[in-house]
């Protein structure tokens, strides 16, 4: 497979929350605002890219019996880095995301990509895979957060976008709103996929 194909598959064909239906815990929990979705997506992308590269570099060295434990150590190291970077340079976002930053360690997208892809492919392909899946995840979370923020508060990235008399659907920024919005987006993606010509 080409590097470009490895990158682009994460933007539609293997889009984590909508096509693979992975990473739903942070998808539903932190997307009350577009900026939270963007922040969580970028932190996950950082961890995904770096862990994919390291796992690919070490794939022939790590013994099969301890591979999962080894991948978790690699992933946890990059999660700590992401957490420290957020604390140092984007502290308000770190406070907004809370416990979900350390929980990136157990995000099934990252461990799944390490096991299913990075452990079997060369570095450049693993980098492209991590970048594509990470950007797809970031875009998904930002869109979901943006829809919920616009409908739930009348704002987008904390800027007013609706008319002055707009009555926000406060339901959308609560947990049930996340499920409803995710369901509509999943349905929309299924409709688009069925109408697209098969390659």
N, C-alpha and C. Protein backbone atom coordinates (compact mmCIF):
# COMPACT_ATOMS: atom_id res chain seq x y z
N UNK A 1 0.84 -1.20 0.00
CA UNK A 1 0.00 0.00 0.00
C UNK A 1 0.87 1.25 0.00
N UNK A 2 0.39 2.30 -0.67
CA UNK A 2 1.16 3.53 -0.72
C UNK A 2 0.99 4.32 0.57
N UNK A 3 1.96 5.20 0.82
CA UNK A 3 1.93 6.05 2.01
C UNK A 3 0.70 6.95 1.99
N UNK A 4 0.36 7.48 0.81
CA UNK A 4 -0.81 8.36 0.68
C UNK A 4 -2.08 7.61 1.04
N UNK A 5 -2.20 6.36 0.59
CA UNK A 5 -3.40 5.56 0.90
C UNK A 5 -3.49 5.29 2.40
N UNK A 6 -2.33 5.02 3.04
CA UNK A 6 -2.33 4.80 4.48
C UNK A 6 -2.79 6.03 5.23
N UNK A 7 -2.42 7.21 4.72
CA UNK A 7 -2.83 8.46 5.36
C UNK A 7 -4.31 8.74 5.14
N UNK A 8 -4.77 8.63 3.90
CA UNK A 8 -6.14 9.04 3.58
C UNK A 8 -7.21 8.09 4.11
N UNK A 9 -6.85 6.83 4.37
CA UNK A 9 -7.87 5.89 4.87
C UNK A 9 -8.43 6.34 6.23
N UNK A 10 -7.63 7.05 7.02
CA UNK A 10 -8.09 7.52 8.33
C UNK A 10 -9.03 8.71 8.26
N UNK A 11 -9.14 9.30 7.07
CA UNK A 11 -10.01 10.47 6.91
C UNK A 11 -11.42 10.10 6.48
N UNK A 12 -11.63 8.84 6.04
CA UNK A 12 -12.99 8.41 5.71
C UNK A 12 -13.18 6.91 5.92
N UNK A 13 -12.43 6.10 5.21
CA UNK A 13 -12.63 4.65 5.20
C UNK A 13 -12.50 4.03 6.60
N UNK A 14 -11.55 4.52 7.41
CA UNK A 14 -11.35 4.00 8.76
C UNK A 14 -11.45 5.11 9.80
N UNK A 15 -12.37 6.01 9.60
CA UNK A 15 -12.58 7.13 10.53
C UNK A 15 -12.96 6.58 11.89
N UNK A 16 -12.14 6.82 12.93
CA UNK A 16 -12.31 6.09 14.20
C UNK A 16 -13.71 6.09 14.83
N UNK A 17 -14.31 7.24 15.15
CA UNK A 17 -15.59 7.13 15.86
C UNK A 17 -16.77 6.72 14.98
N UNK A 18 -16.68 6.98 13.69
CA UNK A 18 -17.83 6.76 12.82
C UNK A 18 -17.74 5.50 11.96
N UNK A 19 -16.55 5.10 11.55
CA UNK A 19 -16.41 3.92 10.71
C UNK A 19 -15.95 2.71 11.53
N UNK A 20 -14.96 2.92 12.40
CA UNK A 20 -14.47 1.83 13.24
C UNK A 20 -15.24 1.74 14.55
N UNK A 21 -15.98 2.80 14.88
CA UNK A 21 -16.72 2.93 16.14
C UNK A 21 -15.79 2.62 17.32
N UNK A 22 -14.66 3.32 17.33
CA UNK A 22 -13.68 3.21 18.42
C UNK A 22 -13.48 4.58 19.06
N UNK A 23 -13.00 4.56 20.30
CA UNK A 23 -12.71 5.81 21.00
C UNK A 23 -13.96 6.58 21.37
N UNK A 24 -15.05 5.87 21.65
CA UNK A 24 -16.32 6.55 21.92
C UNK A 24 -16.38 7.24 23.29
N UNK A 25 -15.60 6.76 24.24
CA UNK A 25 -15.63 7.38 25.58
C UNK A 25 -15.22 8.86 25.50
N UNK A 26 -14.02 9.20 24.97
CA UNK A 26 -13.70 10.62 24.85
C UNK A 26 -14.57 11.33 23.83
N UNK A 27 -15.00 10.61 22.79
CA UNK A 27 -15.85 11.22 21.77
C UNK A 27 -17.13 11.77 22.38
N UNK A 28 -17.73 11.01 23.27
CA UNK A 28 -18.99 11.43 23.88
C UNK A 28 -18.77 12.37 25.06
N UNK A 29 -17.68 12.18 25.80
CA UNK A 29 -17.50 12.90 27.06
C UNK A 29 -16.98 14.32 26.90
N UNK A 30 -16.04 14.56 25.98
CA UNK A 30 -15.38 15.87 25.95
C UNK A 30 -15.90 16.80 24.88
N UNK A 31 -16.83 16.35 24.04
CA UNK A 31 -17.24 17.15 22.89
C UNK A 31 -18.40 18.10 23.17
N UNK A 32 -18.42 18.70 24.34
CA UNK A 32 -19.46 19.69 24.62
C UNK A 32 -19.18 21.00 23.88
N UNK A 33 -17.91 21.20 23.48
CA UNK A 33 -17.51 22.39 22.72
C UNK A 33 -16.52 21.97 21.64
N UNK A 34 -16.47 22.72 20.55
CA UNK A 34 -15.57 22.40 19.45
C UNK A 34 -14.11 22.43 19.90
N UNK A 35 -13.75 23.40 20.74
CA UNK A 35 -12.34 23.50 21.15
C UNK A 35 -11.92 22.31 22.01
N UNK A 36 -12.85 21.75 22.79
CA UNK A 36 -12.51 20.55 23.57
C UNK A 36 -12.27 19.36 22.65
N UNK A 37 -13.10 19.23 21.61
CA UNK A 37 -12.90 18.16 20.64
C UNK A 37 -11.57 18.31 19.93
N UNK A 38 -11.23 19.56 19.57
CA UNK A 38 -9.95 19.82 18.91
C UNK A 38 -8.78 19.49 19.83
N UNK A 39 -8.86 19.92 21.09
CA UNK A 39 -7.78 19.65 22.04
C UNK A 39 -7.57 18.17 22.29
N UNK A 40 -8.68 17.43 22.50
CA UNK A 40 -8.58 16.00 22.73
C UNK A 40 -8.04 15.28 21.49
N UNK A 41 -8.51 15.71 20.32
CA UNK A 41 -8.05 15.10 19.09
C UNK A 41 -6.56 15.32 18.86
N UNK A 42 -6.08 16.52 19.12
CA UNK A 42 -4.65 16.81 18.93
C UNK A 42 -3.78 16.03 19.91
N UNK A 43 -4.22 15.94 21.17
CA UNK A 43 -3.47 15.16 22.16
C UNK A 43 -3.40 13.70 21.75
N UNK A 44 -4.52 13.15 21.29
CA UNK A 44 -4.57 11.75 20.84
C UNK A 44 -3.71 11.55 19.60
N UNK A 45 -3.74 12.51 18.68
CA UNK A 45 -2.93 12.42 17.47
C UNK A 45 -1.44 12.40 17.80
N UNK A 46 -1.04 13.26 18.74
CA UNK A 46 0.37 13.30 19.17
C UNK A 46 0.81 11.92 19.68
N UNK A 47 -0.01 11.34 20.54
CA UNK A 47 0.32 10.03 21.11
C UNK A 47 0.30 8.96 20.03
N UNK A 48 -0.69 9.00 19.16
CA UNK A 48 -0.85 7.99 18.11
C UNK A 48 0.32 7.98 17.14
N UNK A 49 0.72 9.15 16.66
CA UNK A 49 1.83 9.24 15.70
C UNK A 49 3.12 8.71 16.33
N UNK A 50 3.43 9.21 17.52
CA UNK A 50 4.70 8.84 18.16
C UNK A 50 4.74 7.37 18.57
N UNK A 51 3.64 6.88 19.12
CA UNK A 51 3.64 5.47 19.53
C UNK A 51 3.69 4.54 18.31
N UNK A 52 3.01 4.92 17.21
CA UNK A 52 3.09 4.12 15.99
C UNK A 52 4.53 4.03 15.48
N UNK A 53 5.22 5.16 15.48
CA UNK A 53 6.60 5.18 14.99
C UNK A 53 7.50 4.32 15.87
N UNK A 54 7.41 4.48 17.18
CA UNK A 54 8.28 3.72 18.10
C UNK A 54 7.98 2.22 18.02
N UNK A 55 6.71 1.86 17.98
CA UNK A 55 6.34 0.44 17.87
C UNK A 55 6.87 -0.13 16.56
N UNK A 56 6.78 0.65 15.47
CA UNK A 56 7.29 0.18 14.19
C UNK A 56 8.81 -0.01 14.23
N UNK A 57 9.51 0.93 14.89
CA UNK A 57 10.97 0.83 15.01
C UNK A 57 11.37 -0.41 15.79
N UNK A 58 10.62 -0.71 16.84
CA UNK A 58 10.97 -1.82 17.75
C UNK A 58 10.27 -3.14 17.41
N UNK A 59 9.51 -3.18 16.32
CA UNK A 59 8.66 -4.34 16.04
C UNK A 59 9.42 -5.66 15.93
N UNK A 60 10.67 -5.62 15.50
CA UNK A 60 11.44 -6.86 15.37
C UNK A 60 12.24 -7.19 16.62
N UNK A 61 12.23 -6.27 17.58
CA UNK A 61 13.00 -6.46 18.82
C UNK A 61 12.12 -6.94 19.96
N UNK A 62 10.88 -6.42 20.02
CA UNK A 62 9.96 -6.76 21.12
C UNK A 62 9.53 -8.22 21.01
N UNK A 63 9.75 -9.02 22.06
CA UNK A 63 9.30 -10.43 22.03
C UNK A 63 7.77 -10.51 21.98
N UNK A 64 7.26 -11.48 21.26
CA UNK A 64 5.82 -11.63 21.09
C UNK A 64 5.04 -11.75 22.38
N UNK A 65 5.63 -12.41 23.38
CA UNK A 65 4.92 -12.65 24.65
C UNK A 65 4.66 -11.37 25.45
N UNK A 66 5.48 -10.35 25.24
CA UNK A 66 5.32 -9.12 26.02
C UNK A 66 4.97 -7.92 25.14
N UNK A 67 4.50 -8.18 23.93
CA UNK A 67 4.29 -7.07 23.00
C UNK A 67 3.23 -6.09 23.49
N UNK A 68 2.09 -6.58 24.00
CA UNK A 68 1.02 -5.68 24.45
C UNK A 68 1.50 -4.83 25.63
N UNK A 69 2.16 -5.45 26.59
CA UNK A 69 2.69 -4.70 27.73
C UNK A 69 3.70 -3.66 27.27
N UNK A 70 4.52 -4.03 26.30
CA UNK A 70 5.52 -3.10 25.77
C UNK A 70 4.84 -1.92 25.05
N UNK A 71 3.80 -2.22 24.29
CA UNK A 71 3.08 -1.15 23.59
C UNK A 71 2.45 -0.18 24.60
N UNK A 72 1.91 -0.71 25.69
CA UNK A 72 1.28 0.14 26.70
C UNK A 72 2.32 1.05 27.36
N UNK A 73 3.52 0.54 27.59
CA UNK A 73 4.60 1.37 28.17
C UNK A 73 4.95 2.50 27.20
N UNK A 74 5.07 2.18 25.92
CA UNK A 74 5.37 3.20 24.91
C UNK A 74 4.26 4.25 24.87
N UNK A 75 3.02 3.78 24.80
CA UNK A 75 1.87 4.69 24.73
C UNK A 75 1.80 5.56 25.99
N UNK A 76 1.97 4.96 27.16
CA UNK A 76 1.90 5.71 28.42
C UNK A 76 2.97 6.79 28.48
N UNK A 77 4.16 6.51 27.94
CA UNK A 77 5.23 7.51 27.93
C UNK A 77 4.81 8.74 27.14
N UNK A 78 4.20 8.53 25.98
CA UNK A 78 3.77 9.67 25.16
C UNK A 78 2.54 10.37 25.75
N UNK A 79 1.70 9.64 26.45
CA UNK A 79 0.56 10.27 27.13
C UNK A 79 1.06 11.22 28.21
N UNK A 80 2.07 10.80 28.97
CA UNK A 80 2.66 11.67 30.00
C UNK A 80 3.24 12.92 29.35
N UNK A 81 3.91 12.75 28.21
CA UNK A 81 4.45 13.91 27.49
C UNK A 81 3.34 14.86 27.06
N UNK A 82 2.26 14.29 26.50
CA UNK A 82 1.13 15.11 26.06
C UNK A 82 0.51 15.86 27.24
N UNK A 83 0.39 15.17 28.36
CA UNK A 83 -0.18 15.78 29.56
C UNK A 83 0.69 16.95 30.04
N UNK A 84 2.00 16.73 30.07
CA UNK A 84 2.92 17.79 30.51
C UNK A 84 2.92 18.97 29.54
N UNK A 85 2.85 18.69 28.24
CA UNK A 85 2.78 19.78 27.26
C UNK A 85 1.50 20.60 27.41
N UNK A 86 0.38 19.91 27.63
CA UNK A 86 -0.88 20.62 27.86
C UNK A 86 -0.82 21.47 29.12
N UNK A 87 -0.25 20.92 30.18
CA UNK A 87 -0.12 21.68 31.44
C UNK A 87 0.76 22.90 31.25
N UNK A 88 1.82 22.76 30.46
CA UNK A 88 2.77 23.85 30.29
C UNK A 88 2.28 24.94 29.34
N UNK A 89 1.63 24.53 28.23
CA UNK A 89 1.33 25.49 27.18
C UNK A 89 -0.15 25.76 26.92
N UNK A 90 -1.04 24.91 27.45
CA UNK A 90 -2.47 25.08 27.18
C UNK A 90 -3.24 24.62 28.42
N UNK A 91 -2.93 25.25 29.54
CA UNK A 91 -3.47 24.78 30.82
C UNK A 91 -5.00 24.82 30.89
N UNK A 92 -5.66 25.87 30.37
CA UNK A 92 -7.14 25.84 30.40
C UNK A 92 -7.71 24.60 29.69
N UNK A 93 -7.08 24.19 28.58
CA UNK A 93 -7.55 22.99 27.88
C UNK A 93 -7.29 21.75 28.72
N UNK A 94 -6.14 21.71 29.38
CA UNK A 94 -5.82 20.58 30.25
C UNK A 94 -6.89 20.44 31.34
N UNK A 95 -7.32 21.55 31.92
CA UNK A 95 -8.37 21.52 32.95
C UNK A 95 -9.71 21.08 32.37
N UNK A 96 -10.02 21.52 31.16
CA UNK A 96 -11.29 21.14 30.51
C UNK A 96 -11.34 19.63 30.25
N UNK A 97 -10.23 19.09 29.77
CA UNK A 97 -10.20 17.67 29.39
C UNK A 97 -10.10 16.75 30.61
N UNK A 98 -9.48 17.25 31.68
CA UNK A 98 -9.43 16.52 32.95
C UNK A 98 -8.86 15.12 32.83
N UNK A 99 -9.59 14.17 33.38
CA UNK A 99 -9.13 12.77 33.47
C UNK A 99 -8.99 12.12 32.10
N UNK A 100 -9.61 12.69 31.06
CA UNK A 100 -9.57 12.05 29.75
C UNK A 100 -8.21 12.13 29.07
N UNK A 101 -7.33 13.02 29.53
CA UNK A 101 -5.97 13.04 28.98
C UNK A 101 -5.20 11.80 29.44
N UNK A 102 -5.10 11.51 30.75
CA UNK A 102 -4.41 10.27 31.14
C UNK A 102 -5.08 9.01 30.60
N UNK A 103 -6.39 9.07 30.37
CA UNK A 103 -7.10 7.89 29.86
C UNK A 103 -6.80 7.59 28.40
N UNK A 104 -6.03 8.47 27.73
CA UNK A 104 -5.60 8.16 26.36
C UNK A 104 -4.81 6.86 26.34
N UNK A 105 -4.16 6.55 27.47
CA UNK A 105 -3.37 5.30 27.57
C UNK A 105 -4.21 4.09 27.19
N UNK A 106 -5.46 4.07 27.59
CA UNK A 106 -6.31 2.91 27.34
C UNK A 106 -7.25 3.11 26.15
N UNK A 107 -6.99 4.15 25.35
CA UNK A 107 -7.82 4.39 24.18
C UNK A 107 -7.58 3.25 23.18
N UNK A 108 -8.64 2.55 22.82
CA UNK A 108 -8.50 1.37 21.97
C UNK A 108 -8.02 1.71 20.57
N UNK A 109 -8.18 2.96 20.13
CA UNK A 109 -7.67 3.34 18.82
C UNK A 109 -6.14 3.19 18.80
N UNK A 110 -5.49 3.72 19.83
CA UNK A 110 -4.03 3.75 19.85
C UNK A 110 -3.44 2.36 20.00
N UNK A 111 -3.94 1.60 20.95
CA UNK A 111 -3.44 0.23 21.12
C UNK A 111 -3.78 -0.62 19.91
N UNK A 112 -4.94 -0.41 19.34
CA UNK A 112 -5.35 -1.15 18.15
C UNK A 112 -4.45 -0.87 16.96
N UNK A 113 -4.07 0.39 16.75
CA UNK A 113 -3.18 0.73 15.64
C UNK A 113 -1.79 0.16 15.88
N UNK A 114 -1.34 0.17 17.14
CA UNK A 114 -0.02 -0.40 17.45
C UNK A 114 0.00 -1.89 17.14
N UNK A 115 -1.03 -2.60 17.58
CA UNK A 115 -1.09 -4.06 17.40
C UNK A 115 -1.40 -4.45 15.96
N UNK A 116 -2.38 -3.79 15.36
CA UNK A 116 -2.84 -4.22 14.04
C UNK A 116 -2.01 -3.67 12.89
N UNK A 117 -1.36 -2.53 13.10
CA UNK A 117 -0.67 -1.91 11.96
C UNK A 117 0.82 -1.65 12.21
N UNK A 118 1.14 -0.85 13.22
CA UNK A 118 2.54 -0.43 13.42
C UNK A 118 3.48 -1.60 13.67
N UNK A 119 2.99 -2.64 14.33
CA UNK A 119 3.83 -3.80 14.64
C UNK A 119 4.13 -4.67 13.41
N UNK A 120 3.46 -4.35 12.29
CA UNK A 120 3.62 -5.18 11.08
C UNK A 120 4.11 -4.39 9.87
N UNK A 121 4.29 -3.08 10.02
CA UNK A 121 4.62 -2.24 8.87
C UNK A 121 5.83 -1.34 9.13
N UNK A 122 6.46 -0.85 8.05
CA UNK A 122 7.63 0.02 8.20
C UNK A 122 7.27 1.38 8.79
N UNK A 123 8.30 2.11 9.16
CA UNK A 123 8.14 3.38 9.90
C UNK A 123 7.30 4.40 9.14
N UNK A 124 7.62 4.64 7.86
CA UNK A 124 6.92 5.68 7.11
C UNK A 124 5.44 5.36 6.98
N UNK A 125 5.10 4.11 6.71
CA UNK A 125 3.69 3.72 6.62
C UNK A 125 2.99 3.86 7.98
N UNK A 126 3.70 3.52 9.04
CA UNK A 126 3.13 3.64 10.39
C UNK A 126 2.91 5.10 10.77
N UNK A 127 3.83 5.96 10.36
CA UNK A 127 3.68 7.40 10.58
C UNK A 127 2.46 7.93 9.83
N UNK A 128 2.32 7.55 8.56
CA UNK A 128 1.19 7.99 7.75
C UNK A 128 -0.13 7.48 8.33
N UNK A 129 -0.14 6.23 8.79
CA UNK A 129 -1.33 5.65 9.41
C UNK A 129 -1.72 6.42 10.67
N UNK A 130 -0.74 6.69 11.53
CA UNK A 130 -1.01 7.42 12.76
C UNK A 130 -1.50 8.83 12.50
N UNK A 131 -0.88 9.51 11.53
CA UNK A 131 -1.28 10.87 11.20
C UNK A 131 -2.70 10.90 10.63
N UNK A 132 -2.99 9.98 9.70
CA UNK A 132 -4.33 9.95 9.09
C UNK A 132 -5.43 9.61 10.08
N UNK A 133 -5.21 8.56 10.88
CA UNK A 133 -6.21 8.17 11.88
C UNK A 133 -6.37 9.28 12.91
N UNK A 134 -5.24 9.88 13.33
CA UNK A 134 -5.28 10.96 14.32
C UNK A 134 -6.02 12.18 13.82
N UNK A 135 -5.74 12.60 12.58
CA UNK A 135 -6.44 13.76 12.02
C UNK A 135 -7.93 13.46 11.82
N UNK A 136 -8.23 12.24 11.38
CA UNK A 136 -9.64 11.86 11.24
C UNK A 136 -10.36 11.93 12.58
N UNK A 137 -9.70 11.45 13.62
CA UNK A 137 -10.28 11.50 14.97
C UNK A 137 -10.46 12.94 15.43
N UNK A 138 -9.45 13.79 15.17
CA UNK A 138 -9.51 15.20 15.56
C UNK A 138 -10.65 15.92 14.84
N UNK A 139 -10.76 15.70 13.54
CA UNK A 139 -11.83 16.33 12.75
C UNK A 139 -13.20 15.86 13.25
N UNK A 140 -13.33 14.55 13.52
CA UNK A 140 -14.60 14.00 14.00
C UNK A 140 -15.02 14.64 15.32
N UNK A 141 -14.08 14.72 16.27
CA UNK A 141 -14.38 15.30 17.57
C UNK A 141 -14.71 16.78 17.47
N UNK A 142 -13.99 17.49 16.59
CA UNK A 142 -14.24 18.93 16.43
C UNK A 142 -15.61 19.18 15.81
N UNK A 143 -15.97 18.37 14.81
CA UNK A 143 -17.30 18.52 14.18
C UNK A 143 -18.40 18.20 15.18
N UNK A 144 -18.25 17.08 15.89
CA UNK A 144 -19.26 16.69 16.88
C UNK A 144 -19.38 17.76 17.97
N UNK A 145 -18.23 18.23 18.46
CA UNK A 145 -18.25 19.30 19.47
C UNK A 145 -18.83 20.59 18.94
N UNK A 146 -18.54 20.91 17.68
CA UNK A 146 -19.07 22.13 17.07
C UNK A 146 -20.58 22.09 16.94
N UNK A 147 -21.12 20.97 16.48
CA UNK A 147 -22.57 20.83 16.35
C UNK A 147 -23.24 20.96 17.72
N UNK A 148 -22.69 20.26 18.70
CA UNK A 148 -23.28 20.31 20.05
C UNK A 148 -23.17 21.72 20.65
N UNK A 149 -22.05 22.39 20.40
CA UNK A 149 -21.88 23.74 20.94
C UNK A 149 -22.82 24.74 20.28
N UNK A 150 -22.95 24.65 18.94
CA UNK A 150 -23.84 25.57 18.23
C UNK A 150 -25.29 25.38 18.68
N UNK A 151 -25.74 24.13 18.69
CA UNK A 151 -27.13 23.87 19.08
C UNK A 151 -27.37 24.07 20.57
N UNK A 152 -26.37 23.74 21.39
CA UNK A 152 -26.54 23.79 22.84
C UNK A 152 -26.29 25.13 23.49
N UNK A 153 -25.48 25.99 22.82
CA UNK A 153 -25.17 27.29 23.43
C UNK A 153 -25.33 28.46 22.46
N UNK A 154 -25.43 28.16 21.15
CA UNK A 154 -25.50 29.24 20.16
C UNK A 154 -24.14 29.81 19.83
N UNK A 155 -23.07 29.13 20.23
CA UNK A 155 -21.71 29.60 19.98
C UNK A 155 -20.92 28.56 19.21
N UNK A 156 -19.79 29.00 18.63
CA UNK A 156 -18.85 28.10 17.95
C UNK A 156 -17.46 28.60 18.28
N UNK A 157 -16.65 27.74 18.91
CA UNK A 157 -15.36 28.15 19.46
C UNK A 157 -15.53 29.38 20.36
N UNK A 158 -16.59 29.34 21.17
CA UNK A 158 -16.93 30.37 22.16
C UNK A 158 -17.28 31.72 21.54
N UNK A 159 -17.60 31.75 20.25
CA UNK A 159 -18.05 32.99 19.60
C UNK A 159 -19.52 32.82 19.20
N UNK A 160 -20.33 33.83 19.48
CA UNK A 160 -21.76 33.75 19.17
C UNK A 160 -21.96 33.65 17.65
N UNK A 161 -22.74 32.65 17.23
CA UNK A 161 -23.01 32.46 15.81
C UNK A 161 -24.51 32.43 15.49
N UNK A 162 -25.34 32.40 16.52
CA UNK A 162 -26.79 32.36 16.29
C UNK A 162 -27.39 33.74 16.56
N UNK A 163 -28.60 33.94 16.09
CA UNK A 163 -29.29 35.21 16.26
C UNK A 163 -29.57 35.48 17.74
N UNK A 164 -29.75 36.75 18.11
CA UNK A 164 -29.89 37.11 19.53
C UNK A 164 -31.03 36.42 20.26
N UNK A 165 -32.14 36.15 19.57
CA UNK A 165 -33.29 35.54 20.24
C UNK A 165 -33.23 34.00 20.23
N UNK A 166 -32.13 33.44 19.77
CA UNK A 166 -32.01 31.98 19.69
C UNK A 166 -32.08 31.35 21.08
N UNK A 167 -32.93 30.33 21.20
CA UNK A 167 -33.06 29.59 22.46
C UNK A 167 -32.25 28.31 22.35
N UNK A 168 -31.11 28.21 23.06
CA UNK A 168 -30.26 27.02 22.93
C UNK A 168 -30.96 25.75 23.41
N UNK A 169 -30.62 24.63 22.77
CA UNK A 169 -31.08 23.32 23.20
C UNK A 169 -30.06 22.82 24.23
N UNK A 170 -30.25 23.13 25.49
CA UNK A 170 -29.27 22.76 26.52
C UNK A 170 -29.08 21.24 26.59
N UNK A 171 -30.05 20.51 26.09
CA UNK A 171 -29.97 19.06 26.01
C UNK A 171 -28.72 18.61 25.24
N UNK A 172 -28.31 19.40 24.23
CA UNK A 172 -27.20 19.00 23.37
C UNK A 172 -25.85 19.01 24.06
N UNK A 173 -25.68 19.79 25.11
CA UNK A 173 -24.38 19.83 25.80
C UNK A 173 -24.37 18.88 27.00
N UNK A 174 -25.41 18.07 27.13
CA UNK A 174 -25.46 17.04 28.18
C UNK A 174 -25.21 15.68 27.54
N UNK A 175 -25.02 14.67 28.38
CA UNK A 175 -24.67 13.33 27.90
C UNK A 175 -25.64 12.78 26.85
N UNK A 176 -26.96 12.87 27.06
CA UNK A 176 -27.87 12.32 26.03
C UNK A 176 -27.72 13.01 24.68
N UNK A 177 -27.39 14.30 24.70
CA UNK A 177 -27.18 15.03 23.45
C UNK A 177 -26.01 14.49 22.66
N UNK A 178 -24.98 14.02 23.37
CA UNK A 178 -23.82 13.43 22.70
C UNK A 178 -24.23 12.18 21.94
N UNK A 179 -25.05 11.33 22.55
CA UNK A 179 -25.51 10.11 21.89
C UNK A 179 -26.39 10.42 20.68
N UNK A 180 -27.28 11.39 20.83
CA UNK A 180 -28.18 11.76 19.73
C UNK A 180 -27.38 12.30 18.55
N UNK A 181 -26.44 13.20 18.84
CA UNK A 181 -25.63 13.81 17.78
C UNK A 181 -24.75 12.76 17.10
N UNK A 182 -24.15 11.90 17.89
CA UNK A 182 -23.31 10.83 17.32
C UNK A 182 -24.15 9.91 16.44
N UNK A 183 -25.36 9.57 16.89
CA UNK A 183 -26.26 8.72 16.10
C UNK A 183 -26.61 9.35 14.76
N UNK A 184 -26.92 10.65 14.77
CA UNK A 184 -27.25 11.33 13.51
C UNK A 184 -26.05 11.34 12.57
N UNK A 185 -24.86 11.61 13.10
CA UNK A 185 -23.66 11.64 12.26
C UNK A 185 -23.33 10.25 11.72
N UNK A 186 -23.50 9.21 12.55
CA UNK A 186 -23.30 7.83 12.07
C UNK A 186 -24.26 7.51 10.93
N UNK A 187 -25.52 7.89 11.10
CA UNK A 187 -26.53 7.66 10.07
C UNK A 187 -26.20 8.41 8.78
N UNK A 188 -25.76 9.66 8.91
CA UNK A 188 -25.40 10.46 7.75
C UNK A 188 -24.22 9.84 7.01
N UNK A 189 -23.22 9.37 7.75
CA UNK A 189 -22.07 8.74 7.12
C UNK A 189 -22.47 7.45 6.40
N UNK A 190 -23.38 6.70 6.98
CA UNK A 190 -23.85 5.47 6.32
C UNK A 190 -24.58 5.78 5.02
N UNK A 191 -25.39 6.83 5.03
CA UNK A 191 -26.11 7.23 3.81
C UNK A 191 -25.13 7.65 2.73
N UNK A 192 -24.13 8.47 3.11
CA UNK A 192 -23.13 8.93 2.14
C UNK A 192 -22.34 7.74 1.59
N UNK A 193 -21.96 6.82 2.47
CA UNK A 193 -21.18 5.65 2.04
C UNK A 193 -21.93 4.79 1.05
N UNK A 194 -23.24 4.64 1.25
CA UNK A 194 -24.03 3.82 0.33
C UNK A 194 -24.19 4.48 -1.03
N UNK A 195 -24.15 5.82 -1.05
CA UNK A 195 -24.34 6.52 -2.32
C UNK A 195 -23.03 6.69 -3.09
N UNK A 196 -21.91 6.53 -2.40
CA UNK A 196 -20.62 6.66 -3.07
C UNK A 196 -20.36 5.41 -3.93
N UNK A 197 -19.78 5.59 -5.11
CA UNK A 197 -19.49 4.41 -5.94
C UNK A 197 -18.40 3.56 -5.30
N UNK A 198 -18.53 2.24 -5.39
CA UNK A 198 -17.52 1.32 -4.84
C UNK A 198 -16.27 1.38 -5.68
N UNK A 199 -15.10 1.33 -4.99
CA UNK A 199 -13.81 1.38 -5.70
C UNK A 199 -13.27 -0.03 -5.87
